[in-house]
N, C-alpha and C. Protein backbone atom coordinates (compact mmCIF):
# COMPACT_ATOMS: atom_id res chain seq x y z
N MET A 1 -31.16 118.36 -4.66
CA MET A 1 -30.97 119.69 -4.09
C MET A 1 -32.20 120.55 -3.85
N ILE A 2 -32.36 120.94 -2.65
CA ILE A 2 -33.55 121.87 -2.24
C ILE A 2 -33.51 123.14 -2.83
N SER A 3 -34.44 123.63 -3.13
CA SER A 3 -34.78 124.95 -3.51
C SER A 3 -35.89 125.47 -2.92
N TYR A 4 -35.78 126.88 -2.31
CA TYR A 4 -36.96 127.41 -1.73
C TYR A 4 -37.32 128.63 -2.68
N GLU A 5 -37.07 128.51 -4.01
CA GLU A 5 -37.29 129.48 -5.03
C GLU A 5 -39.02 129.77 -5.10
N PRO A 6 -39.67 128.60 -4.93
CA PRO A 6 -41.28 128.65 -4.76
C PRO A 6 -41.56 129.51 -3.77
N LEU A 7 -41.12 129.34 -2.45
CA LEU A 7 -41.57 130.14 -1.30
C LEU A 7 -41.33 131.57 -1.63
N TRP A 8 -40.16 132.07 -2.31
CA TRP A 8 -39.88 133.42 -2.46
C TRP A 8 -41.07 134.02 -3.63
N GLU A 9 -41.21 133.14 -4.48
CA GLU A 9 -42.26 133.60 -5.62
C GLU A 9 -43.67 133.70 -4.80
N THR A 10 -44.00 132.76 -4.05
CA THR A 10 -45.14 132.67 -3.42
C THR A 10 -45.48 134.14 -2.34
N MET A 11 -44.31 134.25 -1.75
CA MET A 11 -44.18 135.51 -0.95
C MET A 11 -44.48 136.80 -1.70
N ARG A 12 -43.79 136.82 -2.94
CA ARG A 12 -43.92 138.01 -3.60
C ARG A 12 -45.36 138.23 -4.42
N GLN A 13 -45.92 136.81 -4.73
CA GLN A 13 -47.28 136.94 -5.15
C GLN A 13 -48.43 137.54 -4.20
N LYS A 14 -48.32 137.07 -2.79
CA LYS A 14 -48.84 137.33 -1.88
C LYS A 14 -48.80 138.63 -0.98
N GLY A 15 -47.54 139.23 -1.55
CA GLY A 15 -47.14 140.44 -0.96
C GLY A 15 -46.75 140.32 0.74
N ILE A 16 -46.20 139.20 0.93
CA ILE A 16 -45.72 138.96 2.24
C ILE A 16 -44.12 139.03 2.38
N SER A 17 -43.51 139.64 3.31
CA SER A 17 -42.31 140.05 3.54
C SER A 17 -41.52 139.17 4.34
N THR A 18 -40.24 139.00 4.28
CA THR A 18 -39.53 138.05 5.15
C THR A 18 -39.75 138.69 6.82
N TYR A 19 -39.95 140.15 6.82
CA TYR A 19 -40.36 140.78 8.12
C TYR A 19 -41.53 140.17 8.58
N ALA A 20 -42.64 140.10 7.83
CA ALA A 20 -43.77 139.72 8.14
C ALA A 20 -43.63 138.20 8.71
N LEU A 21 -43.09 137.34 7.87
CA LEU A 21 -42.85 136.04 8.38
C LEU A 21 -42.39 135.91 9.83
N ILE A 22 -41.43 136.61 9.93
CA ILE A 22 -40.87 136.78 11.35
C ILE A 22 -41.74 137.31 12.43
N ASN A 23 -42.30 138.46 12.10
CA ASN A 23 -42.77 139.25 13.21
C ASN A 23 -44.37 138.72 13.36
N ARG A 24 -45.13 138.61 12.16
CA ARG A 24 -46.58 138.40 12.05
C ARG A 24 -46.61 136.79 12.37
N TYR A 25 -45.92 135.92 11.69
CA TYR A 25 -46.30 134.59 11.74
C TYR A 25 -45.37 133.46 12.53
N GLY A 26 -44.36 134.38 13.14
CA GLY A 26 -43.67 133.70 14.18
C GLY A 26 -42.54 132.86 13.67
N ILE A 27 -42.32 132.93 12.53
CA ILE A 27 -41.23 132.24 11.86
C ILE A 27 -39.82 132.72 12.43
N PRO A 28 -38.97 131.73 13.15
CA PRO A 28 -37.65 132.52 13.63
C PRO A 28 -36.83 133.09 12.47
N ALA A 29 -36.10 134.18 12.84
CA ALA A 29 -35.14 134.79 11.79
C ALA A 29 -34.07 133.71 11.50
N SER A 30 -33.72 132.89 12.31
CA SER A 30 -32.64 131.83 12.11
C SER A 30 -33.34 130.92 10.91
N THR A 31 -34.58 130.62 11.08
CA THR A 31 -35.12 129.87 9.94
C THR A 31 -35.30 130.36 8.54
N VAL A 32 -35.49 131.89 8.45
CA VAL A 32 -35.52 132.43 7.51
C VAL A 32 -34.16 132.76 6.79
N HIS A 33 -33.05 132.66 7.51
CA HIS A 33 -31.74 132.41 7.29
C HIS A 33 -31.38 131.01 6.55
N THR A 34 -31.85 130.06 7.19
CA THR A 34 -31.72 128.78 6.72
C THR A 34 -32.45 128.65 5.27
N LEU A 35 -33.58 129.16 5.20
CA LEU A 35 -34.19 129.23 4.03
C LEU A 35 -33.65 129.84 2.72
N LYS A 36 -32.99 131.05 3.21
CA LYS A 36 -32.24 131.96 2.30
C LYS A 36 -30.98 131.18 1.74
N HIS A 37 -30.43 130.18 2.34
CA HIS A 37 -29.20 129.31 2.06
C HIS A 37 -29.55 127.84 1.71
N ASN A 38 -31.03 127.75 1.23
CA ASN A 38 -31.49 126.52 0.66
C ASN A 38 -30.98 125.30 1.55
N ASN A 39 -30.89 125.53 2.90
CA ASN A 39 -30.88 124.27 3.86
C ASN A 39 -32.11 123.64 4.34
N ASN A 40 -31.82 122.60 5.15
CA ASN A 40 -33.06 121.84 5.49
C ASN A 40 -33.90 122.52 6.41
N ILE A 41 -35.18 122.25 6.39
CA ILE A 41 -36.23 122.57 7.18
C ILE A 41 -36.99 121.45 7.83
N THR A 42 -37.77 121.49 8.98
CA THR A 42 -38.38 120.29 9.39
C THR A 42 -39.78 120.44 8.74
N MET A 43 -40.48 119.30 8.91
CA MET A 43 -41.78 119.24 8.35
C MET A 43 -42.69 120.20 9.06
N TYR A 44 -42.51 120.45 10.41
CA TYR A 44 -43.28 121.22 11.24
C TYR A 44 -42.94 122.74 10.81
N THR A 45 -41.94 123.16 10.59
CA THR A 45 -41.64 124.47 9.81
C THR A 45 -42.31 124.56 8.37
N LEU A 46 -42.03 123.57 7.65
CA LEU A 46 -42.90 123.61 6.35
C LEU A 46 -44.45 123.80 6.47
N GLU A 47 -45.07 123.10 7.65
CA GLU A 47 -46.31 123.23 7.83
C GLU A 47 -46.62 124.61 8.29
N LYS A 48 -45.76 125.13 9.07
CA LYS A 48 -46.04 126.67 9.55
C LYS A 48 -46.02 127.57 8.34
N LEU A 49 -45.05 127.33 7.46
CA LEU A 49 -45.09 128.21 6.41
C LEU A 49 -46.15 127.99 5.39
N CYS A 50 -46.77 126.92 5.14
CA CYS A 50 -47.84 126.55 4.45
C CYS A 50 -49.08 127.32 4.92
N ASN A 51 -49.35 127.15 6.31
CA ASN A 51 -50.30 127.75 6.90
C ASN A 51 -50.30 129.45 6.97
N ALA A 52 -49.08 129.83 7.15
CA ALA A 52 -49.01 131.25 7.07
C ALA A 52 -49.06 131.85 5.72
N LEU A 53 -48.94 131.23 4.62
CA LEU A 53 -48.94 131.58 3.38
C LEU A 53 -50.17 131.07 2.75
N ASN A 54 -50.99 130.11 3.44
CA ASN A 54 -52.11 129.66 2.77
C ASN A 54 -51.93 129.10 1.56
N CYS A 55 -50.97 128.08 1.49
CA CYS A 55 -50.68 127.35 0.15
C CYS A 55 -50.29 125.86 0.71
N THR A 56 -49.87 125.05 -0.36
CA THR A 56 -49.24 123.87 -0.27
C THR A 56 -47.83 123.65 -0.31
N ALA A 57 -47.08 122.59 -0.04
CA ALA A 57 -45.64 122.48 0.00
C ALA A 57 -45.05 122.82 -1.10
N ASP A 58 -45.78 122.51 -2.27
CA ASP A 58 -45.22 122.70 -3.72
C ASP A 58 -44.93 124.18 -3.91
N SER A 59 -45.55 125.03 -3.00
CA SER A 59 -45.56 126.44 -3.18
C SER A 59 -44.49 127.00 -2.27
N VAL A 60 -43.75 126.28 -1.60
CA VAL A 60 -42.55 126.43 -0.77
C VAL A 60 -41.42 125.97 -1.17
N VAL A 61 -41.16 124.50 -1.37
CA VAL A 61 -40.01 123.91 -1.67
C VAL A 61 -40.34 123.16 -3.16
N ARG A 62 -39.04 123.13 -3.82
CA ARG A 62 -38.84 122.07 -4.80
C ARG A 62 -37.40 121.42 -4.68
N PHE A 63 -37.78 120.14 -5.29
CA PHE A 63 -36.43 119.34 -5.18
C PHE A 63 -35.93 119.05 -6.57
N GLU A 64 -34.68 119.54 -6.74
CA GLU A 64 -33.97 119.56 -7.95
C GLU A 64 -32.99 118.52 -8.05
N ASN A 65 -32.81 117.84 -9.19
CA ASN A 65 -31.77 117.07 -9.33
C ASN A 65 -30.39 117.70 -9.53
N ASP A 66 -29.46 117.18 -8.66
CA ASP A 66 -28.09 117.45 -8.87
C ASP A 66 -27.35 116.65 -9.51
N ASP A 67 -27.03 116.76 -10.77
CA ASP A 67 -26.20 115.78 -11.50
C ASP A 67 -24.85 115.79 -11.13
N THR A 68 -24.18 116.55 -10.48
CA THR A 68 -22.87 116.48 -10.07
C THR A 68 -22.48 115.47 -8.93
N LYS A 69 -23.52 114.87 -8.30
CA LYS A 69 -23.30 114.08 -7.16
C LYS A 69 -24.43 112.91 -6.95
N PRO A 70 -24.28 111.88 -6.97
CA PRO A 70 -25.62 110.91 -6.68
C PRO A 70 -26.27 111.08 -5.40
N SER A 71 -27.49 110.65 -5.16
CA SER A 71 -28.19 111.02 -4.01
C SER A 71 -27.76 109.79 -3.25
N PRO A 72 -27.84 110.20 -1.76
CA PRO A 72 -27.42 109.01 -0.99
C PRO A 72 -28.44 107.99 -0.94
N GLY A 73 -28.08 106.87 -1.03
CA GLY A 73 -28.91 105.62 -1.16
C GLY A 73 -29.60 105.48 -2.42
N SER A 74 -29.36 106.21 -3.33
CA SER A 74 -29.99 106.14 -4.72
C SER A 74 -29.91 104.75 -5.09
N ASP A 75 -28.79 104.09 -5.13
CA ASP A 75 -28.69 102.55 -5.43
C ASP A 75 -29.61 101.59 -4.61
N ASP A 76 -29.68 102.02 -3.32
CA ASP A 76 -30.49 101.23 -2.51
C ASP A 76 -31.93 101.25 -2.92
N LEU A 77 -32.62 102.41 -3.42
CA LEU A 77 -33.86 102.46 -3.75
C LEU A 77 -34.09 101.82 -5.11
N ALA A 78 -33.11 101.66 -5.92
CA ALA A 78 -33.30 101.25 -7.35
C ALA A 78 -33.43 99.61 -7.02
N ASN A 79 -32.74 99.11 -5.95
CA ASN A 79 -32.67 97.70 -5.81
C ASN A 79 -33.75 97.22 -4.87
N ALA A 80 -34.40 98.07 -4.05
CA ALA A 80 -35.35 97.57 -3.00
C ALA A 80 -36.60 96.94 -3.41
N PRO A 81 -37.04 96.03 -2.80
CA PRO A 81 -38.25 95.13 -3.17
C PRO A 81 -39.34 96.05 -3.19
N HIS A 82 -40.23 95.87 -4.20
CA HIS A 82 -41.42 96.52 -4.28
C HIS A 82 -42.80 95.87 -3.48
N SER A 83 -43.67 96.63 -2.88
CA SER A 83 -44.73 95.84 -2.52
C SER A 83 -45.84 95.57 -3.69
N PRO A 84 -46.38 94.35 -3.76
CA PRO A 84 -47.43 94.14 -4.80
C PRO A 84 -48.70 95.00 -4.43
């Protein structure tokens, strides 16, 4: 499961509002809506957020285990051949 809690904490620490993300840094309001609902974003958007906040990806997004359902393809990864 994706969590953008690190983003909101980073924004609080840096004093940047969602209004500033939209109007100063050019993040579309629809993207802010996506973030608020913990939905997927593109790597391009992640890069824009990192540049705007002068931070790394781990200050924007966190991946959490969702114990209620298996990850898609998790069995495939466990059985995949490994490179030497």
